[in-house]
């Protein structure tokens, strides 16, 4: 890409708040699209990038989630790194305020700070992908020791990414089968069908896979967990007696001061991932009001925003709106399944599930610019 107007040599100052997939895809996309026409500052509270989609393997002793120093990534992409937490934004003067009292001017701002995980069921073991091994390793050991005979996994709504629950169910059932241990596994979900976000084709195939593993799925269900050994399912007030309950967290938005807040504090964005009601501010990933929360989608949102920011920097580019396509890998304890869905209004309308990947590299998170970089470092999460 070339500048539409070469008379403006001063680079555009871009502040990217966050240290996850959406933030990193943004800086890699901007460097590829705009080159030295942008000067990037990455603000992140952590010092490491953790490839979280593979953390589901940790409790099964299948290897730890990979980590990379953010300082290394920032250096490789040519961005300044500030280790601090994004606090709020003063939009008219274009100033970002950090928790450490520092202030940063921006010409464009990307908000990729993620969502806030809320424990919906205190009596359940709530999945936390930041420390999944600590949370679930003991449960897996109890399954292997024959102390758990009935396991329930609860998927609350709205705004949750359900894939990890299905992976945990399949991997736990497979581990019990390998060890000749009788284990009943029940998934209770608000979804109308298993992984409904992927569309009817993929959802039907996943439902069949669950049946083959002896996993019961109760859909369109609201539930309560009054204690650690009981799930109350509605409608119907059905009571399920179990030995353990695992629940996904309920996600809430960051409710960023200075920006319009949508439902549950999520940041409302348009088709170019521009934050509604404010100029030169963009958002991507779990922080946004897009109903699907997934790393690959976060990367696509970042790409759409990066194109719009590159145009602000004077690059001759026609920014394209978000065309949401999810590529997901479902870990099963045996052969993984590769799922692809084209999303319209947050739901899959064309989908497929295969035993071979349909994208490259076949990573857990399909990101146009970030995935090849991680693949070179062996951190892509490829399971092919």
Protein backbone atom coordinates (compact mmCIF):
# COMPACT_ATOMS: atom_id res chain seq x y z
CA UNK A 1 0.00 0.00 0.00
CA UNK A 2 1.11 3.59 -0.66
CA UNK A 3 0.17 6.85 0.91
CA UNK A 4 -2.56 8.67 -0.96
CA UNK A 5 -0.81 11.92 -0.04
CA UNK A 6 2.98 11.76 0.40
CA UNK A 7 3.04 15.33 1.75
CA UNK A 8 2.32 14.12 5.31
CA UNK A 9 5.47 12.34 6.49
CA UNK A 10 4.73 12.44 10.23
CA UNK A 11 3.51 9.00 11.37
CA UNK A 12 0.08 8.61 12.91
CA UNK A 13 0.10 7.77 16.62
CA UNK A 14 -1.88 4.61 17.32
CA UNK A 15 -2.47 3.39 20.87
CA UNK A 16 -3.49 -0.26 21.20
CA UNK A 17 -4.89 -1.21 24.60
CA UNK A 18 -4.63 -4.93 25.39
CA UNK A 19 -2.22 -7.83 25.22
CA UNK A 20 -4.33 -10.59 23.69
CA UNK A 21 -5.10 -11.80 20.19
CA UNK A 22 -7.12 -8.75 19.10
CA UNK A 23 -4.44 -6.31 20.24
CA UNK A 24 -1.54 -8.22 18.71
CA UNK A 25 -3.35 -8.86 15.43
CA UNK A 26 -3.96 -5.09 15.27
CA UNK A 27 -0.29 -4.15 15.54
CA UNK A 28 0.81 -6.83 13.06
CA UNK A 29 -1.93 -5.86 10.60
CA UNK A 30 -1.08 -2.16 10.89
CA UNK A 31 2.60 -2.77 10.32
CA UNK A 32 1.79 -4.83 7.22
CA UNK A 33 -0.77 -2.35 5.87
CA UNK A 34 0.71 1.00 6.86
CA UNK A 35 4.42 0.35 7.41
CA UNK A 36 6.18 3.31 8.99
CA UNK A 37 3.15 5.54 8.47
CA UNK A 38 2.01 4.51 11.95
CA UNK A 39 3.78 4.82 15.28
CA UNK A 40 2.31 2.23 17.63
CA UNK A 41 2.16 2.02 21.41
CA UNK A 42 0.96 -1.22 22.96
CA UNK A 43 -0.47 -0.90 26.48
CA UNK A 44 -0.91 -4.19 28.35
CA UNK A 45 -1.19 -5.06 32.05
CA UNK A 46 0.63 -8.38 31.66
CA UNK A 47 4.19 -9.06 30.55
CA UNK A 48 3.37 -12.23 28.60
CA UNK A 49 1.08 -13.28 25.80
CA UNK A 50 -0.52 -16.61 26.70
CA UNK A 51 -1.91 -18.78 23.90
CA UNK A 52 -5.02 -19.63 25.89
CA UNK A 53 -7.01 -21.82 23.45
CA UNK A 54 -4.61 -24.71 24.10
CA UNK A 55 -4.83 -24.37 27.89
CA UNK A 56 -7.69 -26.91 27.88
CA UNK A 57 -4.98 -29.57 27.39
CA UNK A 58 -3.12 -28.67 30.60
CA UNK A 59 -5.28 -30.55 33.15
CA UNK A 60 -4.85 -33.73 31.06
CA UNK A 61 -1.03 -33.47 31.20
CA UNK A 62 -0.89 -32.87 27.44
CA UNK A 63 1.45 -29.90 27.65
CA UNK A 64 1.24 -26.34 28.97
CA UNK A 65 -0.18 -23.36 27.11
CA UNK A 66 2.62 -21.53 25.30
CA UNK A 67 3.77 -18.10 26.44
CA UNK A 68 5.73 -15.32 24.79
CA UNK A 69 7.13 -12.13 26.33
CA UNK A 70 5.17 -9.15 25.06
CA UNK A 71 8.43 -7.21 24.96
CA UNK A 72 9.74 -9.63 22.32
CA UNK A 73 6.56 -9.34 20.25
CA UNK A 74 6.51 -5.54 20.49
CA UNK A 75 10.15 -5.37 19.45
CA UNK A 76 9.55 -7.69 16.48
CA UNK A 77 6.62 -5.64 15.20
CA UNK A 78 8.20 -2.27 15.94
CA UNK A 79 5.86 -1.05 18.68
CA UNK A 80 6.57 0.60 22.01
CA UNK A 81 5.34 -1.48 24.96
CA UNK A 82 4.00 0.07 28.14
CA UNK A 83 3.23 -2.37 30.95
CA UNK A 84 0.23 -0.77 32.58
CA UNK A 85 -3.56 -1.04 32.61
CA UNK A 86 -5.79 1.01 30.34
CA UNK A 87 -8.14 3.06 32.53
CA UNK A 88 -10.31 5.45 30.54
CA UNK A 89 -10.41 7.62 27.46
CA UNK A 90 -11.00 11.34 27.10
CA UNK A 91 -12.26 11.29 23.53
CA UNK A 92 -12.46 14.94 22.42
CA UNK A 93 -8.77 15.73 23.11
CA UNK A 94 -7.83 12.12 22.17
CA UNK A 95 -6.11 11.20 25.41
CA UNK A 96 -5.83 7.74 26.99
CA UNK A 97 -5.45 7.55 30.77
CA UNK A 98 -3.58 4.63 32.33
CA UNK A 99 -3.89 3.26 35.86
CA UNK A 100 -0.36 4.42 36.61
CA UNK A 101 -1.47 8.03 35.96
CA UNK A 102 0.32 8.28 32.61
CA UNK A 103 -1.52 9.92 29.72
CA UNK A 104 -1.07 9.09 26.03
CA UNK A 105 -2.17 11.15 23.04
CA UNK A 106 -3.55 9.19 20.11
CA UNK A 107 -4.59 9.80 16.53
CA UNK A 108 -6.35 6.42 16.59
CA UNK A 109 -7.16 4.16 19.51
CA UNK A 110 -7.82 0.42 19.53
CA UNK A 111 -9.61 -0.92 22.62
CA UNK A 112 -8.91 -4.66 22.89
CA UNK A 113 -9.02 -5.12 26.64
CA UNK A 114 -11.22 -8.22 26.64
CA UNK A 115 -14.26 -9.05 28.72
CA UNK A 116 -14.63 -9.58 32.44
CA UNK A 117 -15.30 -13.15 33.57
CA UNK A 118 -18.10 -13.34 36.15
CA UNK A 119 -18.70 -16.41 38.30
CA UNK A 120 -22.34 -17.27 37.58
CA UNK A 121 -22.47 -20.42 39.73
CA UNK A 122 -20.35 -20.12 42.92
CA UNK A 123 -20.87 -23.77 43.89
CA UNK A 124 -19.48 -25.02 40.57
CA UNK A 125 -15.85 -25.21 39.45
CA UNK A 126 -15.68 -22.17 37.17
CA UNK A 127 -13.41 -22.48 34.14
CA UNK A 128 -10.62 -19.90 34.12
CA UNK A 129 -8.35 -20.30 31.10
CA UNK A 130 -5.66 -18.20 32.82
CA UNK A 131 -5.07 -21.05 35.30
CA UNK A 132 -6.96 -24.02 33.91
CA UNK A 133 -4.43 -26.57 35.15
CA UNK A 134 -4.75 -25.34 38.74
CA UNK A 135 -8.54 -25.32 38.45
CA UNK A 136 -9.17 -28.70 36.86
CA UNK A 137 -6.12 -30.93 37.37
CA UNK A 138 -7.53 -32.27 40.63
CA UNK A 139 -10.85 -33.07 38.95
CA UNK A 140 -9.11 -35.05 36.19
CA UNK A 141 -7.17 -36.98 38.83
CA UNK A 142 -10.43 -37.76 40.66
CA UNK A 143 -11.94 -39.03 37.41
CA UNK A 144 -8.88 -41.22 36.81
CA UNK A 145 -9.11 -42.50 40.38
CA UNK A 146 -12.75 -43.48 39.97
CA UNK A 147 -14.05 -40.96 42.49
CA UNK A 148 -16.26 -39.12 39.99
CA UNK A 149 -19.10 -41.06 38.36
CA UNK A 150 -21.30 -38.23 37.06
CA UNK A 151 -19.96 -34.92 35.79
CA UNK A 152 -22.07 -31.94 34.69
CA UNK A 153 -20.84 -29.05 32.55
CA UNK A 154 -22.91 -25.87 32.56
CA UNK A 155 -22.86 -23.26 29.78
CA UNK A 156 -24.57 -20.03 30.91
CA UNK A 157 -25.68 -17.26 28.58
CA UNK A 158 -25.48 -14.81 27.11
CA UNK A 159 -22.03 -13.86 25.83
CA UNK A 160 -20.08 -17.02 26.49
CA UNK A 161 -17.82 -18.98 24.17
CA UNK A 162 -19.03 -22.57 24.60
CA UNK A 163 -16.29 -24.53 22.79
CA UNK A 164 -14.15 -25.23 25.92
CA UNK A 165 -17.07 -26.92 27.67
CA UNK A 166 -17.50 -29.37 24.81
CA UNK A 167 -13.75 -29.99 24.68
CA UNK A 168 -13.61 -30.68 28.40
CA UNK A 169 -16.60 -33.02 28.14
CA UNK A 170 -15.14 -34.98 25.22
CA UNK A 171 -11.61 -35.14 26.62
CA UNK A 172 -12.81 -36.21 30.07
CA UNK A 173 -15.10 -38.87 28.61
CA UNK A 174 -12.23 -40.14 26.44
CA UNK A 175 -9.84 -40.28 29.40
CA UNK A 176 -12.39 -42.25 31.45
CA UNK A 177 -12.96 -44.65 28.56
CA UNK A 178 -9.21 -45.21 28.14
CA UNK A 179 -8.97 -46.15 31.81
CA UNK A 180 -12.08 -48.39 31.87
CA UNK A 181 -13.85 -46.03 34.27
CA UNK A 182 -17.62 -45.58 34.14
CA UNK A 183 -18.38 -41.89 33.85
CA UNK A 184 -21.62 -40.15 32.90
CA UNK A 185 -21.14 -36.69 31.41
CA UNK A 186 -24.01 -34.20 30.99
CA UNK A 187 -23.81 -30.82 29.28
CA UNK A 188 -26.49 -28.27 30.26
CA UNK A 189 -26.58 -25.29 27.93
CA UNK A 190 -28.69 -22.28 27.02
CA UNK A 191 -27.93 -22.98 23.35
CA UNK A 192 -30.70 -24.37 21.15
CA UNK A 193 -28.30 -27.08 19.97
CA UNK A 194 -24.65 -28.01 20.65
CA UNK A 195 -22.35 -25.27 19.31
CA UNK A 196 -25.33 -23.68 17.58
CA UNK A 197 -23.22 -20.65 16.69
CA UNK A 198 -21.54 -22.74 13.99
CA UNK A 199 -24.84 -23.38 12.19
CA UNK A 200 -26.97 -26.46 11.66
CA UNK A 201 -24.45 -28.56 9.73
CA UNK A 202 -21.61 -28.36 12.23
CA UNK A 203 -23.97 -28.44 15.21
CA UNK A 204 -25.58 -31.68 14.02
CA UNK A 205 -22.16 -33.28 13.55
CA UNK A 206 -21.07 -32.21 17.04
CA UNK A 207 -24.30 -33.60 18.51
CA UNK A 208 -23.54 -36.94 16.84
CA UNK A 209 -19.96 -36.87 18.19
CA UNK A 210 -21.28 -36.28 21.70
CA UNK A 211 -23.69 -39.21 21.39
CA UNK A 212 -20.85 -41.45 20.21
CA UNK A 213 -18.95 -40.55 23.39
CA UNK A 214 -22.01 -41.24 25.55
CA UNK A 215 -22.40 -37.57 26.50
CA UNK A 216 -25.91 -36.30 27.28
CA UNK A 217 -26.75 -32.76 26.16
CA UNK A 218 -29.66 -30.76 27.59
CA UNK A 219 -30.27 -27.67 25.44
CA UNK A 220 -32.36 -24.48 25.75
CA UNK A 221 -31.99 -24.84 29.51
CA UNK A 222 -31.59 -22.36 32.30
CA UNK A 223 -30.11 -23.80 35.44
CA UNK A 224 -29.04 -23.12 38.97
CA UNK A 225 -26.36 -24.89 41.01
CA UNK A 226 -27.58 -24.80 44.63
CA UNK A 227 -24.64 -26.90 45.81
CA UNK A 228 -21.60 -28.66 44.37
CA UNK A 229 -23.50 -31.90 43.71
CA UNK A 230 -26.76 -30.69 42.23
CA UNK A 231 -27.98 -28.90 39.11
CA UNK A 232 -31.55 -27.60 38.87
CA UNK A 233 -32.68 -27.40 35.27
CA UNK A 234 -35.49 -25.18 33.98
CA UNK A 235 -37.99 -25.21 32.47
CA UNK A 236 -39.30 -28.24 34.33
CA UNK A 237 -37.52 -27.87 37.69
CA UNK A 238 -35.56 -31.04 36.92
CA UNK A 239 -32.88 -31.93 39.48
CA UNK A 240 -29.68 -33.60 38.40
CA UNK A 241 -27.54 -35.30 41.07
CA UNK A 242 -23.83 -35.29 40.14
CA UNK A 243 -20.40 -35.63 41.73
CA UNK A 244 -18.90 -32.46 40.24
CA UNK A 245 -20.15 -29.41 38.34
CA UNK A 246 -17.98 -27.41 35.93
CA UNK A 247 -19.33 -24.09 34.68
CA UNK A 248 -18.14 -21.59 32.14
CA UNK A 249 -18.00 -18.01 33.39
CA UNK A 250 -20.55 -15.45 32.29
CA UNK A 251 -18.86 -12.64 30.38
CA UNK A 252 -19.43 -8.95 30.96
CA UNK A 253 -18.07 -5.99 29.04
CA UNK A 254 -15.34 -3.66 30.31
CA UNK A 255 -17.69 -0.64 30.57
CA UNK A 256 -14.93 1.74 29.52
CA UNK A 257 -15.26 5.21 31.00
CA UNK A 258 -15.46 7.76 28.20
CA UNK A 259 -17.07 5.37 25.71
CA UNK A 260 -20.67 4.46 25.15
CA UNK A 261 -21.57 1.23 26.94
CA UNK A 262 -23.88 -1.32 25.39
CA UNK A 263 -25.63 -4.31 26.95
CA UNK A 264 -23.74 -5.58 30.02
CA UNK A 265 -20.98 -3.04 29.47
CA UNK A 266 -19.80 -4.30 26.07
CA UNK A 267 -18.48 -1.68 23.63
CA UNK A 268 -20.83 -1.13 20.66
CA UNK A 269 -19.07 -1.17 17.28
CA UNK A 270 -20.10 -0.83 13.65
CA UNK A 271 -19.16 -3.08 10.70
CA UNK A 272 -15.66 -1.54 10.56
CA UNK A 273 -15.24 -2.06 14.32
CA UNK A 274 -15.39 1.67 14.93
CA UNK A 275 -16.81 2.49 18.35
CA UNK A 276 -20.20 4.11 17.98
CA UNK A 277 -20.57 7.72 19.03
CA UNK A 278 -16.90 8.67 19.07
CA UNK A 279 -14.28 9.52 16.46
CA UNK A 280 -11.04 7.60 15.80
CA UNK A 281 -11.71 4.93 18.42
CA UNK A 282 -12.01 1.28 17.46
CA UNK A 283 -12.60 -1.92 19.41
CA UNK A 284 -12.10 -5.63 18.76
CA UNK A 285 -12.38 -8.93 20.56
CA UNK A 286 -14.34 -9.90 23.65
CA UNK A 287 -14.76 -6.25 24.72
CA UNK A 288 -17.17 -5.57 21.85
CA UNK A 289 -20.91 -6.17 21.67
CA UNK A 290 -20.54 -8.78 18.90
CA UNK A 291 -22.32 -11.80 20.41
CA UNK A 292 -19.66 -14.39 19.50
CA UNK A 293 -16.50 -14.45 21.62
CA UNK A 294 -13.68 -16.25 19.81
CA UNK A 295 -10.01 -15.52 19.14
CA UNK A 296 -10.30 -15.98 15.38
CA UNK A 297 -13.22 -13.57 15.22
CA UNK A 298 -11.30 -11.10 17.39
CA UNK A 299 -8.49 -11.23 14.82
CA UNK A 300 -10.93 -10.55 11.98
CA UNK A 301 -12.34 -7.57 13.87
CA UNK A 302 -8.80 -6.31 14.38
CA UNK A 303 -8.11 -6.65 10.64
CA UNK A 304 -11.21 -4.62 9.76
CA UNK A 305 -10.23 -1.91 12.23
CA UNK A 306 -6.60 -1.91 11.04
CA UNK A 307 -7.74 -1.20 7.48
CA UNK A 308 -9.78 1.77 8.69
CA UNK A 309 -6.86 3.06 10.78
CA UNK A 310 -4.47 2.65 7.84
CA UNK A 311 -6.84 4.79 5.77
CA UNK A 312 -6.70 7.45 8.51
CA UNK A 313 -2.91 7.30 8.21
CA UNK A 314 -3.20 8.23 4.53
CA UNK A 315 -2.77 4.76 3.05
CA UNK A 316 -4.57 4.25 -0.25
CA UNK A 317 -6.86 1.46 0.92
CA UNK A 318 -10.59 0.78 0.77
CA UNK A 319 -11.49 -0.49 4.26
CA UNK A 320 -13.72 -3.52 4.11
CA UNK A 321 -16.45 -4.27 6.66
CA UNK A 322 -16.20 -7.29 8.92
CA UNK A 323 -17.04 -10.53 7.11
CA UNK A 324 -17.19 -12.90 10.05
CA UNK A 325 -15.97 -16.45 9.45
CA UNK A 326 -15.13 -18.67 12.42
CA UNK A 327 -12.50 -21.39 12.16
CA UNK A 328 -12.47 -23.51 15.29
CA UNK A 329 -10.66 -26.65 16.40
CA UNK A 330 -12.61 -28.95 18.68
CA UNK A 331 -10.25 -31.05 20.80
CA UNK A 332 -11.83 -34.42 21.54
CA UNK A 333 -9.20 -36.55 23.26
CA UNK A 334 -8.69 -38.37 19.95
CA UNK A 335 -8.80 -36.85 16.46
CA UNK A 336 -9.61 -33.14 16.57
CA UNK A 337 -12.48 -31.78 14.49
CA UNK A 338 -12.15 -28.65 12.38
CA UNK A 339 -15.19 -26.39 12.26
CA UNK A 340 -15.87 -23.49 9.93
CA UNK A 341 -18.89 -21.19 9.92
CA UNK A 342 -19.89 -18.06 8.04
CA UNK A 343 -21.67 -15.76 10.49
CA UNK A 344 -24.63 -13.52 9.81
CA UNK A 345 -25.96 -11.50 12.77
CA UNK A 346 -23.80 -13.57 15.11
CA UNK A 347 -25.01 -16.99 13.97
CA UNK A 348 -23.67 -19.51 11.51
CA UNK A 349 -25.66 -19.94 8.31
CA UNK A 350 -23.16 -22.04 6.35
CA UNK A 351 -20.93 -24.46 8.22
CA UNK A 352 -18.91 -27.63 8.00
CA UNK A 353 -16.99 -29.98 10.27
CA UNK A 354 -14.08 -32.05 8.99
CA UNK A 355 -11.23 -34.22 10.21
CA UNK A 356 -8.71 -32.21 8.18
CA UNK A 357 -8.16 -28.46 8.45
CA UNK A 358 -9.53 -26.13 5.79
CA UNK A 359 -7.22 -23.23 6.69
CA UNK A 360 -3.48 -22.74 7.09
CA UNK A 361 -1.71 -22.77 9.42
CA UNK A 362 -4.25 -25.08 11.13
CA UNK A 363 -4.06 -23.14 14.39
CA UNK A 364 -6.57 -22.85 17.20
CA UNK A 365 -6.80 -19.16 16.35
CA UNK A 366 -6.88 -18.34 12.65
CA UNK A 367 -5.38 -14.84 12.43
CA UNK A 368 -4.18 -13.47 9.11
CA UNK A 369 -1.10 -11.66 10.41
CA UNK A 370 -0.52 -13.01 13.91
CA UNK A 371 -0.88 -16.74 13.17
CA UNK A 372 2.08 -16.98 10.73
CA UNK A 373 4.27 -15.12 13.24
CA UNK A 374 3.29 -17.49 16.05
CA UNK A 375 3.65 -20.49 13.76
CA UNK A 376 7.28 -19.56 13.04
CA UNK A 377 7.89 -19.53 16.79
CA UNK A 378 6.04 -22.79 17.36
CA UNK A 379 3.27 -21.12 19.35
CA UNK A 380 0.41 -21.40 16.88
CA UNK A 381 -1.53 -24.11 18.65
CA UNK A 382 -1.54 -26.31 15.57
CA UNK A 383 -2.81 -29.80 16.28
CA UNK A 384 -2.57 -31.15 12.74
